[in-house]
């Protein structure tokens, strides 16, 4: 009998403990705070698990009369304050509260969708027949909405400068929100002077970017030579869905720091003699270049390239110019021979301008035109022509002399 009684007591204690544990686990997320406001104390309670963007939660407010006298015509009015919207009644009206007496009411409040996880203010107004008070309830919002940011920007080559193509631009995206970003598509929007290397290199599909995860979006871009140095701002257009299948489109900015460099332009290419014939030897070629950039070009040189399809051979293929400051000119001189059977036409000769800036070697390729414009006469033909001219002059002199003699007679 005693054993059964002990068993019953132990079972009762165990059951009570389990109920207490369940009760505690249910209320572990409940938040209760108090505000002292003049002659009143306000306490408010809500469940943190319900304060989720896009959902509605319950807020229970209790008004306690802390004054020593009766308070009458009491009106508590909650007002919509972003990101909160009152659903249904927004006020609590009390005719009379005796000292120490309290009244409570539960309000339904909707949380705006798409906001970040943070603490937000819900405004209220409390007044009675004597006083008027303003205050705020501090509500913690627990978001499950993804939030994507640009974590880092890198490129190959590492330094971005004007007049380069096929730059590999890598942007690391991080999800610092509380939910996954599904079907994430990233589209690149570039400032003036920057453009995608091809029509498919400005958009990428990253799939799922989970909470606390990072992924890299890679693009290929070209930079025009007219772009000035400094920070330029690009944009990423993001399109994704959250865990509730809500679609979101947003744009985030990132910096494209551009560094200046020497930029060379071929001013002209002149030959001496100006008219080049097949078989000519020792023709002088002067190539004039100008630094159109904002940095000095050090140890600048020009190299010419021979080609088996071109009937021209150079004595030296590289000429050293030296340092060229911004907006200064430099000249490289080459000597070349023309093959005897060269066709009459313009020949395209590729050249390479090489310079050094801040330890980096900068190379740019250009093309110049060398025209072969006249057939070279043979020595025999020239001699015959000269002989014919002299013979004709001699005959004319004889005729004039004979006419002079006949006239005197």
Protein backbone atom coordinates (compact mmCIF):
# COMPACT_ATOMS: atom_id res chain seq x y z
CA UNK A 1 0.00 0.00 0.00
CA UNK A 2 2.82 2.32 0.90
CA UNK A 3 4.57 1.35 -2.36
CA UNK A 4 1.51 2.26 -4.42
CA UNK A 5 1.21 5.57 -2.60
CA UNK A 6 4.87 6.41 -3.28
CA UNK A 7 4.43 5.37 -6.88
CA UNK A 8 1.43 7.69 -7.21
CA UNK A 9 3.35 10.60 -5.64
CA UNK A 10 6.35 10.04 -7.93
CA UNK A 11 4.08 9.85 -10.96
CA UNK A 12 2.35 13.07 -9.95
CA UNK A 13 5.67 14.87 -9.50
CA UNK A 14 6.89 13.58 -12.84
CA UNK A 15 3.71 14.67 -14.60
CA UNK A 16 3.87 18.12 -13.00
CA UNK A 17 7.51 18.47 -14.02
CA UNK A 18 6.71 17.53 -17.61
CA UNK A 19 3.83 20.01 -17.74
CA UNK A 20 6.08 22.71 -16.30
CA UNK A 21 8.78 21.91 -18.86
CA UNK A 22 6.27 22.05 -21.70
CA UNK A 23 4.91 25.32 -20.34
CA UNK A 24 8.41 26.79 -20.18
CA UNK A 25 9.24 25.57 -23.68
CA UNK A 26 6.08 27.15 -25.04
CA UNK A 27 6.81 30.51 -23.45
CA UNK A 28 10.58 30.55 -23.89
CA UNK A 29 10.25 32.87 -26.90
CA UNK A 30 7.78 35.27 -25.24
CA UNK A 31 9.18 38.74 -24.66
CA UNK A 32 7.79 41.01 -21.92
CA UNK A 33 8.97 44.56 -21.34
CA UNK A 34 7.79 47.42 -19.14
CA UNK A 35 7.60 51.17 -19.68
CA UNK A 36 7.13 53.76 -16.92
CA UNK A 37 5.05 56.60 -18.31
CA UNK A 38 3.96 59.33 -15.92
CA UNK A 39 1.25 57.92 -13.65
CA UNK A 40 1.17 54.61 -15.50
CA UNK A 41 3.25 51.55 -16.10
CA UNK A 42 2.77 49.76 -19.44
CA UNK A 43 3.87 46.18 -19.99
CA UNK A 44 3.80 44.57 -23.43
CA UNK A 45 4.28 40.94 -24.42
CA UNK A 46 4.70 39.24 -27.79
CA UNK A 47 6.10 35.99 -29.17
CA UNK A 48 9.37 36.50 -31.05
CA UNK A 49 8.70 33.50 -33.26
CA UNK A 50 5.70 35.34 -34.74
CA UNK A 51 7.40 38.64 -35.58
CA UNK A 52 8.36 37.58 -39.09
CA UNK A 53 8.18 39.84 -42.17
CA UNK A 54 4.94 39.21 -44.02
CA UNK A 55 3.22 37.61 -40.99
CA UNK A 56 0.89 38.86 -38.23
CA UNK A 57 1.69 38.64 -34.52
CA UNK A 58 -0.19 39.33 -31.27
CA UNK A 59 0.87 42.13 -28.93
CA UNK A 60 -0.66 42.16 -25.44
CA UNK A 61 -0.51 45.53 -23.67
CA UNK A 62 -1.30 45.99 -19.96
CA UNK A 63 -1.93 49.41 -18.38
CA UNK A 64 -1.34 49.75 -14.61
CA UNK A 65 -2.35 52.80 -12.62
CA UNK A 66 0.71 53.63 -10.49
CA UNK A 67 -0.80 56.87 -9.17
CA UNK A 68 -2.37 57.20 -5.71
CA UNK A 69 -5.66 58.42 -7.13
CA UNK A 70 -8.20 57.21 -9.62
CA UNK A 71 -7.47 57.93 -13.31
CA UNK A 72 -10.37 58.36 -15.75
CA UNK A 73 -11.08 58.61 -19.50
CA UNK A 74 -7.95 56.64 -20.38
CA UNK A 75 -7.27 55.98 -24.10
CA UNK A 76 -4.30 54.01 -25.45
CA UNK A 77 -3.99 54.36 -29.22
CA UNK A 78 -1.43 52.45 -31.32
CA UNK A 79 -0.45 53.99 -34.66
CA UNK A 80 0.87 52.43 -37.85
CA UNK A 81 4.65 52.86 -37.96
CA UNK A 82 6.80 51.17 -40.57
CA UNK A 83 7.12 48.23 -40.74
CA UNK A 84 4.01 47.62 -38.60
CA UNK A 85 0.35 47.89 -39.65
CA UNK A 86 -2.50 47.51 -37.13
CA UNK A 87 -5.04 44.86 -38.06
CA UNK A 88 -8.47 45.58 -36.53
CA UNK A 89 -8.81 47.70 -33.35
CA UNK A 90 -5.93 50.02 -32.62
CA UNK A 91 -6.99 51.45 -29.26
CA UNK A 92 -7.85 50.51 -25.67
CA UNK A 93 -10.41 52.72 -23.94
CA UNK A 94 -10.80 52.57 -20.12
CA UNK A 95 -13.39 54.61 -18.23
CA UNK A 96 -11.64 54.35 -14.85
CA UNK A 97 -8.60 52.78 -13.21
CA UNK A 98 -8.20 52.75 -9.46
CA UNK A 99 -4.71 52.91 -7.90
CA UNK A 100 -2.89 49.62 -8.59
CA UNK A 101 -5.64 48.41 -10.93
CA UNK A 102 -4.76 47.19 -14.44
CA UNK A 103 -6.41 46.44 -17.78
CA UNK A 104 -5.07 44.53 -20.79
CA UNK A 105 -5.82 44.15 -24.48
CA UNK A 106 -4.30 42.10 -27.29
CA UNK A 107 -3.68 43.76 -30.67
CA UNK A 108 -3.07 42.11 -34.03
CA UNK A 109 -0.14 43.62 -35.94
CA UNK A 110 1.12 42.82 -39.43
CA UNK A 111 4.85 43.03 -40.24
CA UNK A 112 5.80 44.38 -43.66
CA UNK A 113 7.44 41.91 -46.03
CA UNK A 114 11.06 42.20 -47.14
CA UNK A 115 12.53 44.04 -44.14
CA UNK A 116 15.81 43.15 -42.46
CA UNK A 117 16.10 41.48 -39.09
CA UNK A 118 16.33 44.30 -36.53
CA UNK A 119 14.56 46.13 -33.70
CA UNK A 120 11.75 48.46 -34.85
CA UNK A 121 9.59 51.04 -33.06
CA UNK A 122 5.81 50.80 -32.77
CA UNK A 123 4.42 54.20 -31.76
CA UNK A 124 1.53 54.76 -29.35
CA UNK A 125 -0.29 57.62 -27.63
CA UNK A 126 -1.68 57.41 -24.06
CA UNK A 127 -3.95 60.10 -22.65
CA UNK A 128 -6.50 60.59 -19.90
CA UNK A 129 -8.56 63.50 -18.60
CA UNK A 130 -5.42 65.28 -17.36
CA UNK A 131 -2.34 64.19 -19.34
CA UNK A 132 -1.15 63.10 -22.80
CA UNK A 133 1.89 60.88 -23.34
CA UNK A 134 3.76 59.61 -26.42
CA UNK A 135 5.87 56.48 -26.46
CA UNK A 136 7.16 53.51 -28.44
CA UNK A 137 7.13 49.75 -28.07
CA UNK A 138 10.45 48.17 -29.07
CA UNK A 139 9.63 45.13 -31.26
CA UNK A 140 12.29 42.67 -32.40
CA UNK A 141 11.63 41.36 -35.90
CA UNK A 142 13.06 37.95 -36.79
CA UNK A 143 13.44 37.82 -40.54
CA UNK A 144 13.56 34.75 -42.76
CA UNK A 145 14.11 36.98 -45.78
CA UNK A 146 17.42 36.57 -47.67
CA UNK A 147 19.67 39.62 -47.92
CA UNK A 148 22.33 39.55 -50.64
CA UNK A 149 25.31 41.93 -50.58
CA UNK A 150 28.55 42.30 -52.56
CA UNK A 151 31.29 40.95 -50.33
CA UNK A 152 34.32 41.61 -52.53
CA UNK A 153 35.34 42.66 -56.05
CA UNK A 154 38.41 41.30 -57.83
CA UNK A 155 39.67 41.10 -61.40
CA UNK A 156 42.25 39.59 -63.74
CA UNK A 157 44.37 41.57 -64.40
CA UNK A 158 44.38 42.83 -60.81
CA UNK A 159 44.71 46.51 -61.79
CA UNK A 160 41.97 47.96 -64.00
CA UNK A 161 43.20 50.49 -66.55
CA UNK A 162 41.78 52.07 -69.72
CA UNK A 163 42.10 50.35 -73.09
CA UNK A 164 42.03 46.69 -72.02
CA UNK A 165 39.76 43.87 -73.18
CA UNK A 166 38.45 40.58 -71.79
CA UNK A 167 38.93 41.57 -68.16
CA UNK A 168 37.71 38.80 -65.85
CA UNK A 169 35.57 40.54 -63.24
CA UNK A 170 34.70 38.49 -60.16
CA UNK A 171 32.11 39.62 -57.59
CA UNK A 172 31.57 37.60 -54.42
CA UNK A 173 27.94 37.68 -53.25
CA UNK A 174 27.07 36.92 -49.63
CA UNK A 175 23.66 36.08 -48.17
CA UNK A 176 23.62 37.73 -44.73
CA UNK A 177 19.85 37.36 -44.32
CA UNK A 178 17.86 34.71 -42.49
CA UNK A 179 16.54 32.79 -45.48
CA UNK A 180 17.75 31.20 -48.71
CA UNK A 181 17.76 33.07 -52.01
CA UNK A 182 16.45 30.62 -54.62
CA UNK A 183 16.84 30.82 -58.42
CA UNK A 184 19.29 33.69 -58.04
CA UNK A 185 20.06 35.40 -61.36
CA UNK A 186 22.68 38.17 -61.43
CA UNK A 187 22.79 40.73 -64.25
CA UNK A 188 25.68 43.18 -64.69
CA UNK A 189 25.04 46.86 -65.44
CA UNK A 190 28.17 48.87 -66.35
CA UNK A 191 28.88 52.64 -66.38
CA UNK A 192 29.83 54.56 -69.52
CA UNK A 193 33.13 53.47 -71.05
CA UNK A 194 32.74 49.90 -69.79
CA UNK A 195 31.02 47.17 -71.79
CA UNK A 196 30.56 43.42 -71.79
CA UNK A 197 33.08 41.50 -73.87
CA UNK A 198 30.24 39.58 -75.54
CA UNK A 199 26.47 39.33 -75.39
CA UNK A 200 26.52 36.42 -72.94
CA UNK A 201 29.06 37.73 -70.44
CA UNK A 202 26.80 40.12 -68.50
CA UNK A 203 24.43 37.64 -66.84
CA UNK A 204 24.90 34.53 -64.70
CA UNK A 205 22.68 32.06 -62.84
CA UNK A 206 23.92 31.23 -59.32
CA UNK A 207 21.03 28.94 -58.38
CA UNK A 208 20.52 28.76 -54.60
CA UNK A 209 22.42 31.13 -52.32
CA UNK A 210 21.73 29.72 -48.87
CA UNK A 211 21.82 31.64 -45.60
CA UNK A 212 25.42 32.55 -44.62
CA UNK A 213 26.67 31.23 -47.99
CA UNK A 214 28.90 33.00 -50.53
CA UNK A 215 29.15 32.51 -54.30
CA UNK A 216 31.15 34.25 -57.01
CA UNK A 217 29.58 35.76 -60.13
CA UNK A 218 32.09 36.03 -62.99
CA UNK A 219 31.84 38.39 -65.97
CA UNK A 220 34.09 39.50 -68.84
CA UNK A 221 34.30 43.20 -69.70
CA UNK A 222 36.15 45.66 -71.97
CA UNK A 223 37.31 49.13 -70.91
CA UNK A 224 37.59 51.91 -73.48
CA UNK A 225 40.71 54.07 -73.72
CA UNK A 226 38.67 57.25 -73.10
CA UNK A 227 37.66 56.29 -69.54
CA UNK A 228 39.26 58.53 -66.92
CA UNK A 229 40.96 57.18 -63.82
CA UNK A 230 39.07 57.12 -60.51
CA UNK A 231 36.16 55.22 -58.97
CA UNK A 232 33.36 54.20 -61.31
CA UNK A 233 30.11 52.67 -60.07
CA UNK A 234 28.66 49.48 -61.48
CA UNK A 235 25.37 47.83 -60.57
CA UNK A 236 24.14 44.29 -60.08
CA UNK A 237 20.50 43.51 -60.75
CA UNK A 238 19.44 40.56 -58.58
CA UNK A 239 16.38 38.42 -59.17
CA UNK A 240 15.48 35.60 -56.75
CA UNK A 241 12.73 33.95 -54.69
CA UNK A 242 12.57 33.52 -50.92
CA UNK A 243 11.46 30.39 -49.07
CA UNK A 244 7.79 31.43 -49.41
CA UNK A 245 8.18 31.70 -53.22
CA UNK A 246 7.94 35.49 -53.10
CA UNK A 247 9.90 36.94 -56.02
CA UNK A 248 12.23 39.84 -55.29
CA UNK A 249 14.16 42.11 -57.66
CA UNK A 250 16.75 44.53 -56.30
CA UNK A 251 19.81 46.47 -57.43
CA UNK A 252 23.04 46.82 -55.48
CA UNK A 253 26.05 49.00 -56.28
CA UNK A 254 29.74 48.17 -56.37
CA UNK A 255 32.93 50.14 -57.16
CA UNK A 256 35.17 49.78 -60.20
CA UNK A 257 38.44 51.58 -59.33
CA UNK A 258 40.28 52.58 -62.51
CA UNK A 259 43.95 53.48 -62.48
CA UNK A 260 45.54 55.76 -65.11
CA UNK A 261 48.32 54.61 -67.39
CA UNK A 262 50.27 55.79 -70.46
CA UNK A 263 48.23 55.44 -73.65
CA UNK A 264 50.05 55.69 -76.97
CA UNK A 265 48.60 56.72 -80.30
CA UNK A 266 50.36 56.57 -83.68
CA UNK A 267 50.42 60.14 -84.99
CA UNK A 268 51.88 59.27 -88.40
CA UNK A 269 54.32 57.02 -90.26
CA UNK A 270 56.54 58.72 -92.89
CA UNK A 271 58.97 57.17 -95.39
CA UNK A 272 62.03 58.68 -97.07
CA UNK A 273 61.84 58.62 -100.04
CA UNK A 274 58.15 59.35 -100.02
CA UNK A 275 57.59 57.36 -103.26
CA UNK A 276 58.73 53.76 -102.82
CA UNK A 277 59.52 51.50 -105.75
CA UNK A 278 60.13 47.75 -105.97
CA UNK A 279 63.79 47.04 -105.37
CA UNK A 280 64.42 50.17 -103.28
CA UNK A 281 66.99 49.75 -100.53
CA UNK A 282 67.67 51.67 -97.32
CA UNK A 283 64.22 53.27 -97.16
CA UNK A 284 63.82 55.21 -93.89
CA UNK A 285 60.61 54.73 -91.89
CA UNK A 286 59.79 57.19 -89.10
CA UNK A 287 56.96 56.28 -86.74
CA UNK A 288 55.73 59.13 -84.51
CA UNK A 289 53.69 58.29 -81.40
CA UNK A 290 52.05 60.43 -78.72
CA UNK A 291 51.29 59.61 -75.07
CA UNK A 292 47.56 60.38 -74.65
CA UNK A 293 47.44 58.97 -71.10
CA UNK A 294 47.94 60.50 -67.67
CA UNK A 295 51.05 58.57 -66.62
CA UNK A 296 54.66 58.57 -67.84
CA UNK A 297 55.67 55.81 -70.22
CA UNK A 298 59.18 54.67 -69.26
CA UNK A 299 61.65 52.73 -71.40
CA UNK A 300 59.29 53.05 -74.37
CA UNK A 301 60.17 51.18 -77.55
CA UNK A 302 58.56 50.21 -80.86
CA UNK A 303 58.92 46.84 -82.57
CA UNK A 304 58.02 46.10 -86.19
CA UNK A 305 56.93 42.66 -87.38
CA UNK A 306 57.99 41.12 -90.68
CA UNK A 307 55.66 38.80 -92.52
CA UNK A 308 56.37 36.39 -95.36
CA UNK A 309 53.43 37.88 -97.25
CA UNK A 310 55.01 41.34 -97.19
CA UNK A 311 57.95 42.03 -99.60
CA UNK A 312 59.73 44.23 -97.04
CA UNK A 313 62.67 43.34 -94.77
CA UNK A 314 63.90 45.52 -91.89
CA UNK A 315 67.53 45.94 -90.82
CA UNK A 316 66.53 46.27 -87.13
CA UNK A 317 63.12 45.30 -85.75
CA UNK A 318 63.16 47.28 -82.48
CA UNK A 319 63.97 50.93 -81.80
CA UNK A 320 64.27 52.33 -78.28
CA UNK A 321 62.68 55.76 -77.67
CA UNK A 322 62.93 56.28 -73.88
CA UNK A 323 60.64 58.04 -71.42
CA UNK A 324 57.59 59.86 -72.80
CA UNK A 325 55.54 62.10 -70.52
CA UNK A 326 51.78 62.68 -70.97
CA UNK A 327 50.99 64.52 -74.23
CA UNK A 328 54.62 64.29 -75.41
CA UNK A 329 55.68 62.67 -78.68
CA UNK A 330 58.40 60.19 -79.52
CA UNK A 331 59.87 58.88 -82.78
CA UNK A 332 61.23 55.50 -83.78
CA UNK A 333 63.30 55.11 -87.00
CA UNK A 334 63.72 51.94 -89.05
CA UNK A 335 65.47 51.09 -92.33
CA UNK A 336 64.05 48.55 -94.78
CA UNK A 337 64.56 47.10 -98.27
CA UNK A 338 61.86 46.30 -100.83
CA UNK A 339 61.96 43.15 -102.92
CA UNK A 340 62.40 43.59 -106.68
CA UNK A 341 59.18 41.77 -107.54
CA UNK A 342 57.01 43.63 -105.02
CA UNK A 343 53.48 44.31 -106.25
CA UNK A 344 52.18 47.86 -106.43
CA UNK A 345 49.82 48.25 -103.43
CA UNK A 346 49.63 49.28 -99.79
CA UNK A 347 51.08 46.85 -97.27
CA UNK A 348 49.90 46.62 -93.65
CA UNK A 349 52.76 46.35 -91.19
CA UNK A 350 52.01 45.46 -87.57
CA UNK A 351 53.91 47.28 -84.84
CA UNK A 352 54.07 46.86 -81.08
CA UNK A 353 54.47 49.76 -78.63
CA UNK A 354 56.01 48.64 -75.35
CA UNK A 355 56.40 50.75 -72.20
CA UNK A 356 56.75 50.36 -68.42
CA UNK A 357 54.56 52.06 -65.79
CA UNK A 358 54.88 51.46 -62.04
CA UNK A 359 56.73 48.24 -62.73
CA UNK A 360 54.05 46.89 -65.07
CA UNK A 361 54.85 46.20 -68.73
CA UNK A 362 52.19 47.70 -71.00
CA UNK A 363 51.98 46.49 -74.58
CA UNK A 364 49.79 47.83 -77.37
CA UNK A 365 49.63 46.66 -80.97
CA UNK A 366 48.91 48.96 -83.89
CA UNK A 367 49.19 48.84 -87.71
CA UNK A 368 50.70 51.21 -90.26
CA UNK A 369 50.50 51.37 -94.07
CA UNK A 370 53.54 51.31 -96.41
CA UNK A 371 52.57 51.96 -100.08
CA UNK A 372 54.58 50.66 -103.06
CA UNK A 373 53.36 53.09 -105.70
CA UNK A 374 55.58 52.95 -108.86
CA UNK A 375 57.43 50.43 -111.04
CA UNK A 376 61.22 50.91 -110.99
CA UNK A 377 62.71 51.37 -114.49
CA UNK A 378 65.68 49.19 -115.48
CA UNK A 379 69.12 50.76 -116.06
CA UNK A 380 69.00 49.78 -119.78
CA UNK A 381 65.67 51.53 -120.31
CA UNK A 382 66.91 54.62 -118.53
CA UNK A 383 70.09 54.72 -120.67
CA UNK A 384 68.13 54.27 -123.89
CA UNK A 385 65.75 57.04 -122.91
CA UNK A 386 68.61 59.39 -122.05
CA UNK A 387 70.40 58.53 -125.31
CA UNK A 388 67.28 59.19 -127.33
CA UNK A 389 66.80 62.59 -125.71
CA UNK A 390 70.43 63.56 -126.41
CA UNK A 391 70.20 62.39 -130.04
CA UNK A 392 67.01 64.36 -130.57
CA UNK A 393 68.64 67.47 -129.11
CA UNK A 394 71.70 67.01 -131.39
CA UNK A 395 69.49 66.68 -134.50
CA UNK A 396 67.59 69.83 -133.55
CA UNK A 397 70.84 71.74 -133.11
CA UNK A 398 72.06 70.63 -136.56
CA UNK A 399 68.80 71.68 -138.18
CA UNK A 400 68.94 75.07 -136.49
CA UNK A 401 72.58 75.50 -137.61
CA UNK A 402 71.70 74.63 -141.25
CA UNK A 403 68.79 77.04 -141.22
CA UNK A 404 71.07 79.75 -139.87
CA UNK A 405 73.62 79.14 -142.73
CA UNK A 406 70.96 79.13 -145.43
CA UNK A 407 69.50 82.34 -144.09
CA UNK A 408 72.88 84.10 -144.24
CA UNK A 409 73.39 83.05 -147.90
